Amino acid sequence: MKFVDEFRDSSLAKPLLVELEKSVTKPLRVMEVCGSHTMAIFRNGIRSILPESFELISGPGCPVCVTSAPHMDAFIAMADMPGVRVAIFGDLFRVPGSNGSLANASSRGAKVDIVYSPMDALELAVNNPDDRIVFLGVGFETTTPGIAATIMAAKTRNIDNFMVFSTQKVMPPPLIALLNDPELQIDGLLCPGHVSSIIGAGAYQPLVDEYELACVVAGFETTDLLNGLILLARQIASGKRAVENTYPRAVSWDGNPRAQKMVETIFEPTDMDWRGLGVIPQSGLKIREEYSHFDAEKRLDITIPEAEEAKGCMCGEILKGKSTPPECPLFDTRCTPAKPIGPCMVSSEGTCAAYHKYGR
């Protein structure tokens, strides 16, 4: 496949590994922000072949993982409401709340549908006019334009029984929150590819200007990742910080203006609760008042309950890059993919899931 196969060519990896070894001239600590990067790095065995002084840690880039415990409890309670049919992406199905998961709710009779896009949820509303269909908006900038387009389509088609519960989040604010934490010392960021295709590589320039942080946007294939790590090592060695983009086939400096405009039309910034990070100002997106008819939180009068993390679960510390899964006392003992205690073991982009599958 064009733009993919040539970046998977294993013959290109060996010289890049040699170059990476030469580029690392002092100890450095880099955070890969994106959950897809976490999985790709493990799947390609990159952690195991990094120079000894190159430490790579995972950040809050898994949207399911950073969904707060109170929001998960609200999702499950809503699924139990009479006449409500919840549509979700599959990763959310088994994420535990305080009292079970959406999978458990489904087993006791709640209507929970796994869909591949928000437009699928809209068609579910068309085909089930007696149900109130609620799409659970859990994601970053990558999925938000599709949700915005679906709300626009629902209004145009006058589909009255479709709603969205938005816990959509935006990426730069949590990175700033992490960088303001004196306990977390990092030299650079491997910036997310999917998110950056929407917001653009330029979104990370303030991190360079204010925090003197090395930033490189990278794709997800072997050579993408190695090239990104090489550039980060060179920036850190030279002391010359910048935003560099090794993923120009998908990411531009300014991003996707059409998608940005669509999101701006439907959503507005709001404070949002992140698992492990707490409430971060202006880090989420809520549906604007003129589209409030499609806001499930308002139409169904949803109350966000108080909830605590599962006892012993270290997902919050792992999402902040302060701990690794093997440091959690529950990891691969009480908490496994078959019986997860925290979301980081459930999601296909979760750090604990990556360590369980590839890191042992």
Protein backbone atom coordinates (compact mmCIF):
# COMPACT_ATOMS: atom_id res chain seq x y z
CA MET A 1 0.00 0.00 0.00
CA LYS A 2 1.41 3.37 -1.06
CA PHE A 3 2.66 5.58 1.81
CA VAL A 4 2.70 2.55 4.12
CA ASP A 5 4.74 -0.31 2.69
CA GLU A 6 7.82 1.81 2.00
CA PHE A 7 7.86 2.87 5.66
CA ARG A 8 7.72 -0.76 6.81
CA ASP A 9 10.76 -1.85 4.81
CA SER A 10 12.91 -3.67 7.37
CA SER A 11 16.07 -3.02 5.33
CA LEU A 12 15.75 0.68 6.21
CA ALA A 13 15.67 0.06 9.95
CA LYS A 14 19.29 -1.05 10.47
CA PRO A 15 20.97 2.19 9.29
CA LEU A 16 18.42 4.19 11.27
CA LEU A 17 19.29 2.25 14.40
CA VAL A 18 22.97 3.02 13.83
CA GLU A 19 22.10 6.69 13.36
CA LEU A 20 19.98 6.68 16.54
CA GLU A 21 22.87 5.22 18.53
CA LYS A 22 25.18 7.98 17.25
CA SER A 23 22.61 10.72 17.96
CA VAL A 24 22.20 9.86 21.64
CA THR A 25 25.13 11.63 23.31
CA LYS A 26 23.68 12.03 26.81
CA PRO A 27 20.82 10.62 28.92
CA LEU A 28 17.44 11.77 27.69
CA ARG A 29 13.83 11.19 28.58
CA VAL A 30 11.10 11.40 25.94
CA MET A 31 7.33 10.98 26.28
CA GLU A 32 5.33 9.44 23.48
CA VAL A 33 1.95 11.09 23.83
CA CYS A 34 -0.23 8.98 21.54
CA GLY A 35 -1.67 5.61 22.54
CA SER A 36 -1.27 4.41 18.96
CA HIS A 37 2.42 5.30 19.21
CA THR A 38 2.68 3.30 22.43
CA MET A 39 1.28 0.20 20.72
CA ALA A 40 3.33 0.70 17.54
CA ILE A 41 6.57 1.16 19.52
CA PHE A 42 5.95 -2.06 21.44
CA ARG A 43 4.76 -3.98 18.38
CA ASN A 44 7.91 -3.02 16.48
CA GLY A 45 10.16 -3.93 19.42
CA ILE A 46 11.61 -0.40 19.51
CA ARG A 47 11.79 -0.13 23.30
CA SER A 48 14.02 -3.20 23.45
CA ILE A 49 16.58 -1.78 20.99
CA LEU A 50 16.85 1.80 22.23
CA PRO A 51 20.23 2.99 23.47
CA GLU A 52 20.55 2.41 27.20
CA SER A 53 20.50 6.13 28.02
CA PHE A 54 17.32 6.79 25.98
CA GLU A 55 14.27 6.49 28.24
CA LEU A 56 10.86 6.41 26.57
CA ILE A 57 7.75 6.88 28.71
CA SER A 58 4.05 6.82 27.83
CA GLY A 59 1.69 9.76 28.27
CA PRO A 60 -2.06 10.53 28.40
CA GLY A 61 -2.74 9.73 24.76
CA CYS A 62 -5.34 6.97 25.13
CA PRO A 63 -8.79 8.61 25.05
CA VAL A 64 -10.57 5.71 26.74
CA CYS A 65 -7.92 5.57 29.48
CA VAL A 66 -8.22 9.26 30.38
CA THR A 67 -12.03 9.12 30.56
CA SER A 68 -12.72 9.85 34.22
CA ALA A 69 -14.29 7.39 36.64
CA PRO A 70 -17.33 9.71 37.19
CA HIS A 71 -17.97 9.88 33.45
CA MET A 72 -17.77 6.08 33.16
CA ASP A 73 -20.34 5.74 35.94
CA ALA A 74 -22.57 8.29 34.18
CA PHE A 75 -22.31 6.32 30.91
CA ILE A 76 -23.34 3.10 32.64
CA ALA A 77 -26.21 4.74 34.52
CA MET A 78 -27.48 6.27 31.28
CA ALA A 79 -27.39 2.89 29.53
CA ASP A 80 -29.74 1.60 32.23
CA MET A 81 -32.31 4.34 31.53
CA PRO A 82 -35.58 3.08 29.97
CA GLY A 83 -35.82 3.90 26.28
CA VAL A 84 -32.13 4.79 25.93
CA ARG A 85 -29.86 2.97 23.50
CA VAL A 86 -26.16 3.73 23.84
CA ALA A 87 -23.81 3.62 20.84
CA ILE A 88 -20.09 3.33 21.52
CA PHE A 89 -16.72 2.52 19.97
CA GLY A 90 -15.68 -0.99 21.00
CA ASP A 91 -12.84 0.03 23.35
CA LEU A 92 -15.35 1.46 25.81
CA PHE A 93 -17.43 -1.71 26.20
CA ARG A 94 -15.42 -3.39 28.96
CA VAL A 95 -13.97 -0.36 30.76
CA PRO A 96 -14.85 -0.81 34.44
CA GLY A 97 -16.83 1.73 36.40
CA SER A 98 -17.56 1.67 40.12
CA ASN A 99 -20.17 -1.03 39.65
CA GLY A 100 -19.41 -3.00 36.52
CA SER A 101 -19.07 -1.90 32.91
CA LEU A 102 -21.20 -1.25 29.85
CA ALA A 103 -20.71 -4.93 29.05
CA ASN A 104 -22.30 -5.80 32.39
CA ALA A 105 -25.12 -3.34 31.71
CA SER A 106 -25.70 -5.02 28.35
CA SER A 107 -25.85 -8.44 29.99
CA ARG A 108 -28.65 -7.28 32.27
CA GLY A 109 -30.71 -5.91 29.39
CA ALA A 110 -29.38 -2.43 28.60
CA LYS A 111 -29.18 -1.59 24.92
CA VAL A 112 -25.50 -1.05 24.07
CA ASP A 113 -24.43 -1.04 20.41
CA ILE A 114 -20.83 -1.06 19.18
CA VAL A 115 -20.50 1.13 16.09
CA TYR A 116 -17.61 2.01 13.78
CA SER A 117 -18.48 5.68 13.34
CA PRO A 118 -20.91 8.28 14.75
CA MET A 119 -22.76 8.14 11.42
CA ASP A 120 -23.53 4.48 12.20
CA ALA A 121 -25.12 5.70 15.43
CA LEU A 122 -27.22 8.18 13.44
CA GLU A 123 -28.50 5.36 11.22
CA LEU A 124 -29.27 3.41 14.37
CA ALA A 125 -31.53 6.33 15.38
CA VAL A 126 -33.24 6.30 11.98
CA ASN A 127 -33.87 2.55 12.19
CA ASN A 128 -35.03 2.61 15.83
CA PRO A 129 -37.38 5.60 16.12
CA ASP A 130 -38.80 4.46 19.47
CA ASP A 131 -35.36 4.53 21.13
CA ARG A 132 -33.32 7.55 22.17
CA ILE A 133 -29.88 6.90 20.69
CA VAL A 134 -26.92 8.38 22.57
CA PHE A 135 -23.48 8.27 21.00
CA LEU A 136 -20.78 8.46 23.67
CA GLY A 137 -18.23 11.00 22.45
CA VAL A 138 -14.93 9.76 23.88
CA GLY A 139 -11.88 10.90 21.97
CA PHE A 140 -9.45 13.61 20.96
CA GLU A 141 -9.31 15.97 17.98
CA THR A 142 -9.10 13.01 15.59
CA THR A 143 -12.68 11.83 16.13
CA THR A 144 -14.35 15.16 16.94
CA PRO A 145 -14.85 16.34 13.31
CA GLY A 146 -16.79 13.15 12.53
CA ILE A 147 -19.05 13.75 15.52
CA ALA A 148 -19.57 17.37 14.49
CA ALA A 149 -20.49 16.27 10.96
CA THR A 150 -22.96 13.75 12.38
CA ILE A 151 -24.70 16.37 14.54
CA MET A 152 -24.95 18.61 11.47
CA ALA A 153 -26.46 15.71 9.50
CA ALA A 154 -28.92 14.94 12.30
CA LYS A 155 -30.11 18.56 12.27
CA THR A 156 -30.38 18.67 8.49
CA ARG A 157 -32.32 15.40 8.40
CA ASN A 158 -34.42 16.40 11.43
CA ILE A 159 -33.60 13.20 13.33
CA ASP A 160 -35.04 13.93 16.75
CA ASN A 161 -33.97 10.81 18.68
CA PHE A 162 -30.20 11.16 18.19
CA MET A 163 -27.94 12.70 20.83
CA VAL A 164 -24.26 12.88 21.79
CA PHE A 165 -22.78 12.77 25.28
CA SER A 166 -19.60 14.74 24.71
CA THR A 167 -16.51 14.09 26.79
CA GLN A 168 -14.34 15.02 23.79
CA LYS A 169 -10.93 16.32 24.79
CA VAL A 170 -8.18 18.40 23.18
CA MET A 171 -4.53 17.52 23.46
CA PRO A 172 -2.37 20.63 24.14
CA PRO A 173 -3.84 21.52 27.60
CA PRO A 174 -2.93 18.22 29.32
CA LEU A 175 0.59 18.47 27.95
CA ILE A 176 0.91 21.92 29.53
CA ALA A 177 -0.47 20.53 32.80
CA LEU A 178 2.16 17.78 32.75
CA LEU A 179 4.98 20.18 31.94
CA ASN A 180 3.97 22.37 34.89
CA ASP A 181 4.41 19.39 37.21
CA PRO A 182 7.91 19.65 38.70
CA GLU A 183 7.96 15.91 39.43
CA LEU A 184 7.83 15.04 35.73
CA GLN A 185 11.10 15.82 34.00
CA ILE A 186 11.11 15.19 30.25
CA ASP A 187 13.36 16.45 27.46
CA GLY A 188 11.05 15.99 24.49
CA LEU A 189 7.73 14.86 23.08
CA LEU A 190 7.01 12.39 20.32
CA CYS A 191 3.88 14.23 19.23
CA PRO A 192 0.77 12.35 18.06
CA GLY A 193 0.26 11.74 14.36
CA HIS A 194 -3.52 11.38 14.16
CA VAL A 195 -4.31 14.37 16.37
CA SER A 196 -1.74 16.49 14.53
CA SER A 197 -3.40 15.79 11.19
CA ILE A 198 -6.29 17.90 12.50
CA ILE A 199 -4.62 20.56 14.66
CA GLY A 200 -1.33 20.81 12.74
CA ALA A 201 2.28 20.58 13.87
CA GLY A 202 2.21 24.30 14.71
CA ALA A 203 0.02 23.56 17.74
CA TYR A 204 3.15 22.43 19.63
CA GLN A 205 5.20 25.58 18.99
CA PRO A 206 4.12 27.13 22.36
CA LEU A 207 5.65 24.11 24.12
CA VAL A 208 8.96 24.87 22.41
CA ASP A 209 8.76 28.60 23.12
CA GLU A 210 7.68 28.42 26.76
CA TYR A 211 9.16 25.13 27.99
CA GLU A 212 12.15 24.72 25.64
CA LEU A 213 10.92 21.25 24.81
CA ALA A 214 12.00 19.23 21.78
CA CYS A 215 8.90 18.28 19.75
CA VAL A 216 8.70 15.91 16.78
CA VAL A 217 5.52 14.75 15.02
CA ALA A 218 5.86 11.18 13.77
CA GLY A 219 3.84 8.54 11.97
CA PHE A 220 3.29 4.95 13.06
CA GLU A 221 5.48 2.72 10.90
CA THR A 222 8.95 1.50 11.87
CA THR A 223 10.93 4.10 9.96
CA ASP A 224 8.50 6.87 11.00
CA LEU A 225 9.16 6.12 14.65
CA LEU A 226 12.93 5.72 14.32
CA ASN A 227 13.25 8.95 12.34
CA GLY A 228 11.21 10.77 14.98
CA LEU A 229 13.40 9.48 17.81
CA ILE A 230 16.57 10.40 15.90
CA LEU A 231 15.40 13.99 15.45
CA LEU A 232 14.48 14.24 19.13
CA ALA A 233 17.91 12.93 20.16
CA ARG A 234 19.64 15.43 17.84
CA GLN A 235 17.60 18.37 19.16
CA ILE A 236 18.31 17.44 22.76
CA ALA A 237 22.03 16.92 22.07
CA SER A 238 22.38 20.24 20.24
CA GLY A 239 20.20 22.29 22.59
CA LYS A 240 18.32 23.70 19.58
CA ARG A 241 14.62 23.10 20.26
CA ALA A 242 12.00 23.16 17.51
CA VAL A 243 8.87 21.50 16.19
CA GLU A 244 9.83 19.06 13.45
CA ASN A 245 7.42 17.03 11.34
CA THR A 246 8.47 13.61 10.01
CA TYR A 247 4.90 12.80 8.96
CA PRO A 248 4.24 15.31 6.15
CA ARG A 249 2.19 12.81 4.16
CA ALA A 250 -0.56 13.28 6.75
CA VAL A 251 0.34 16.34 8.84
CA SER A 252 0.80 19.96 7.79
CA TRP A 253 1.85 22.95 9.89
CA ASP A 254 -1.67 24.39 10.11
CA GLY A 255 -3.64 21.14 10.14
CA ASN A 256 -7.05 20.64 8.53
CA PRO A 257 -8.91 24.00 8.47
CA ARG A 258 -12.13 22.46 7.18
CA ALA A 259 -12.26 19.98 10.07
CA GLN A 260 -11.33 22.72 12.54
CA LYS A 261 -14.15 24.94 11.29
CA MET A 262 -16.67 22.12 11.55
CA VAL A 263 -15.67 21.44 15.15
CA GLU A 264 -15.81 25.15 16.01
CA THR A 265 -19.34 25.35 14.61
CA ILE A 266 -20.70 22.58 16.84
CA PHE A 267 -18.49 22.65 19.94
CA GLU A 268 -17.01 25.17 22.34
CA PRO A 269 -14.21 24.75 24.92
CA THR A 270 -15.05 23.65 28.45
CA ASP A 271 -13.24 22.41 31.54
CA MET A 272 -12.89 18.63 31.48
CA ASP A 273 -12.09 15.94 34.03
CA TRP A 274 -9.21 13.63 33.04
CA ARG A 275 -8.41 10.40 34.79
CA GLY A 276 -5.18 10.89 36.71
CA LEU A 277 -4.90 14.58 35.82
CA GLY A 278 -8.08 15.97 37.36
CA VAL A 279 -10.05 18.86 35.89
CA ILE A 280 -8.01 20.76 33.30
CA PRO A 281 -9.36 24.16 32.24
CA GLN A 282 -10.53 24.45 28.61
CA SER A 283 -9.34 20.93 27.81
CA GLY A 284 -12.70 19.56 26.69
CA LEU A 285 -15.46 20.31 24.21
CA LYS A 286 -19.15 20.76 24.91
CA ILE A 287 -21.96 21.13 22.40
CA ARG A 288 -22.92 24.76 21.72
CA GLU A 289 -26.28 26.05 22.91
CA GLU A 290 -27.68 26.33 19.37
CA TYR A 291 -27.20 22.56 18.99
CA SER A 292 -28.25 21.66 22.54
CA HIS A 293 -31.13 19.53 21.20
CA PHE A 294 -28.44 16.96 20.41
CA ASP A 295 -26.72 17.26 23.80
CA ALA A 296 -27.60 14.12 25.79
CA GLU A 297 -26.28 15.56 29.03
CA LYS A 298 -28.87 18.36 28.83
CA ARG A 299 -31.79 16.53 27.23
CA LEU A 300 -31.59 13.54 29.57
CA ASP A 301 -30.63 15.67 32.59
CA ILE A 302 -27.55 13.58 33.28
CA THR A 303 -25.90 14.02 36.67
CA ILE A 304 -22.20 13.22 36.88
CA PRO A 305 -21.80 11.18 40.08
CA GLU A 306 -18.86 11.22 42.44
CA ALA A 307 -16.56 8.26 41.92
CA GLU A 308 -13.13 7.11 42.98
CA GLU A 309 -10.43 5.12 41.24
CA ALA A 310 -10.35 1.40 41.93
CA LYS A 311 -8.31 0.67 45.04
CA GLY A 312 -4.70 -0.10 44.15
CA CYS A 313 -5.05 0.86 40.48
CA MET A 314 -2.19 3.06 39.25
CA CYS A 315 -3.71 4.08 35.89
CA GLY A 316 -3.57 7.74 36.89
CA GLU A 317 0.15 7.66 37.64
CA ILE A 318 0.84 5.66 34.48
CA LEU A 319 -1.06 8.19 32.34
CA LYS A 320 1.10 10.96 33.81
CA GLY A 321 4.29 9.10 32.92
CA LYS A 322 5.27 8.81 36.58
CA SER A 323 4.94 5.03 36.81
CA THR A 324 5.06 2.05 34.48
CA PRO A 325 2.58 -0.85 34.51
CA PRO A 326 4.99 -3.34 36.15
CA GLU A 327 5.16 -0.97 39.13
CA CYS A 328 1.40 -1.39 39.72
CA PRO A 329 0.68 -4.12 42.30
CA LEU A 330 -2.40 -5.19 40.32
CA PHE A 331 -0.68 -5.52 36.93
CA ASP A 332 -0.96 -9.04 35.49
CA THR A 333 -2.17 -10.35 38.84
CA ARG A 334 -5.63 -9.09 39.76
CA CYS A 335 -5.74 -6.83 36.67
CA THR A 336 -5.60 -8.70 33.35
CA PRO A 337 -7.26 -8.20 29.96
CA ALA A 338 -9.79 -10.89 30.92
CA LYS A 339 -10.61 -9.17 34.23
CA PRO A 340 -9.46 -5.55 34.03
CA ILE A 341 -9.43 -3.30 37.08
CA GLY A 342 -8.42 -0.12 35.22
CA PRO A 343 -8.98 1.21 31.69
CA CYS A 344 -5.28 1.11 30.75
CA MET A 345 -5.57 -2.69 30.59
CA VAL A 346 -8.74 -2.63 28.45
CA SER A 347 -8.17 -0.18 25.61
CA SER A 348 -6.32 -1.24 22.48
CA GLU A 349 -4.21 1.91 23.02
CA GLY A 350 -3.71 1.42 26.77
CA THR A 351 -0.19 1.34 28.18
CA CYS A 352 -0.95 -1.60 30.48
CA ALA A 353 -2.43 -3.53 27.55
CA ALA A 354 0.74 -2.82 25.55
CA TYR A 355 3.02 -4.00 28.36
CA HIS A 356 0.88 -7.11 28.84
CA LYS A 357 0.87 -8.03 25.16
CA TYR A 358 4.38 -7.06 24.09
CA GLY A 359 6.46 -6.02 27.07
CA ARG A 360 7.10 -9.22 28.97
